[in-house]
Amino acid sequence: MTASGEDCGVYLPGQAAGKRDSPPADTGTTNTSSKPSKDHPLLLLAAGETGGASAMHQPRPPSLPRRAKVSKSVSLEESVRMKRFRNSQESLSDRADTGSSSDSLREDRAAPGVVDPSVRPVSAVSTGSPVLQDAERPRSQQSDPGDRRGRSATLRLSPVQPTGPLPPLDERLASAPLRAANRIDRDCLDYGVPAKEKFEERIHRKFSDSRLLENMGSDSASVNSIRSIYSVLSPIRPQDVRNRSFLEGSILGSGALLGAEELDRYFPDRRVGIYVVTWNMQGEKFLPANLNDLLLPTDSEFAQDFYIIGVQEGCPDRREWETCLQETLGPHYVMLYTASHGVLYLTVFTRRDLIWFCSEVEHATVTTRIISQIKTKGAVGIAFTFFGTSFLFITSHFTSGDSKVYERILDYNKIIEALALPKGLPDTNPYRSTPSDVSTRFDQVFWFGDFNFRLSGERADVESILKGTGGDDMSPLLEHDQLTKELKEGSIFKGFQEAPIHFLPTYKFDIGCDDYDTTSKQRTPSYTDRILFRSRQANDIKVVKYNSCANIKSSDHRPVVAMFEVKLRPGRDNIPLCGGMFDRNLYLEGIKRRMTARELKRREALTSPSTSTICTIS
């Protein structure tokens, strides 16, 4: 060889780094041609010569292909999307990811210097490369340990096959977490064995009263499901739900939510108790400290199912008045509905367990003043259906004045013609209804308020009659009553009745005492506050009590109360139900006040000297 490797700038492997020859001396001749000599080692290798060049150079496998760099013009989102797409293609096509564990052994059996063309080289920058696969590759293809730190080191092992048959699945539908979640702790004494036995006895008693189990046969799935949730409700089969919808109900009388079966369950004698109150409050700002005498008299053995309170010239704060009513009636009653027309208030309370059988409540108002903006005279009406019986409650305030009987009759006629009820509720008996009289469109109608009918005659004559009446006989006084005379003539309140009056006139008193008007006007005592009723069917309404409340003296009128027993009839599920809606905020506020008052009474009892537990020796 005439030219060495140093002349071409090629490093030969067989040549030591520290034993390089010094450059040849300059002979003065310059080689102007850059063409290599025919004895150059690269030419010898290309020609197939295996002389000294083959001994000095060992062939190496080709380097792994590098990933193409993303052009700077490509956006960041496109580069990330291309990166994810390439990685997904590599993971799908990589035999190390999709093949079996024997592929890595096949790579180990391959010659270290020979590259298998069937094996696709793995990119050195591919993310998520398994460590074990990297360790099984040839040493020349292993990645840098420093680069391996940045990769995810998730080990991918071969799947483990079961050694035996799998255990059978549990036939129970509830899983173990659900069974653990529904488990009752042993420290809960309320769910002890005696309570469980009592609960099962109560369920069987409930089932015996229901007709749902008559055709149940051997189907015990519903019974088991109802026991599993600790409920006393009757079980419901899917077949029963297919037959009728519990939201819309059945239009048939039997089996319906408002039908005879449910009515007999809650009211075996098919009669409901209704308590009606009318009171002219004279616009007083301060309410009585206690309304128990008004709503819960001591001469009544039981509380009633419905409480209807009508107020004329009510207090300025109507919300405060309703809260006091809720506080007095307690947690067993909820306010079903309330309506107002100026200072006329009408409120309906019912028992909580009866609210599901009430329809949607509707109301309407009528003003009898010439100027409609002045809402001191007029009427408020509330209507709803309970089971199959429709109710209408009206409270009104007629024109005042001793001699204005005709004006009061005009007020009555205007109210019965203009009170637009019912609106969406169906009429239970449209054949007996009159378009010009709202009182004929309902089964049971109660009309109460300050009708302002007076006792004819001078005050001295009335006072002498009052002194001459003995006991509860007020018939001599009622002979001068204007409303009694008009009722007999049929000019007002047609079809209405009134219970016998056995109480003193309720108007007009001096506030805070039992003396009638001692002012210069010397108004004549009169029965201005009245409660009348009307029914489509004879003897459907029975009067239990009709009296005044003499203990409440914060107004110049005494409240008048009446208690009725009203006959009910089963209905159909073709009416919109109220769905258990009531004023929850008012309910909570009333109960809070009730608890506060009880706590104050308890503290007063503890601090009272008469109840002291300390013994004194004199």
Foldseek 3Di string as FASTA:
>chain_A
DPDDPVVVPDDWQVDDPVPDDDDDDDPPDDDPDPDDDCPDLVNCVVVVHCDVRVVGDDDADDDDDADDDDDPVDDPVVVVVVLVVVLVVCLVPACVNVPDPCVLVVQLPDDLRDDDPVHDQDHQLRAPDEPVSLVSHRPSNRHDPVSVVPHDHDHDDDDDDDPDDDDDDDPDPDDPVVVVVLDDDPVPPCPDPVNLVVLVVLLVVLVVLDPPCVPCPPPCPQVVVCVSVSDSDDGDDPVNCVVAPLQLFFQDQPPTPLHPSVQCVVPVVQKFKEKEKAEELLQDQDDDPACCCVQPNPVDPDHGFKYKYKYANAHPPVLVVLLRVLLRVDLQKFWLDWDDFQSIIITMIGGLVQQFQKFDKDKFWDALDPDSVDRRFTKIWIWIDGFLFIEIEMETAFDADAPPPVRLLVRQQVRQQPTDPDDQWDQSDVVQDDNSGNQRRGFKYKYWYQSNWFFDDDQVVLVVVVVVDPAQDCVVRCVRTPVVVCVVVCSGPHQKDFDDGREFAFDFPDAPDDHHDPDPVSDHRGNRTGMIMHGPDPPQKDWDDWYWRPVHRRHRGTMIMTMIIGGHHHGGSNGHRPNSDGDVVSNVSSNVVSVVVVVVVVVCLDPDPVNDPDDDDD
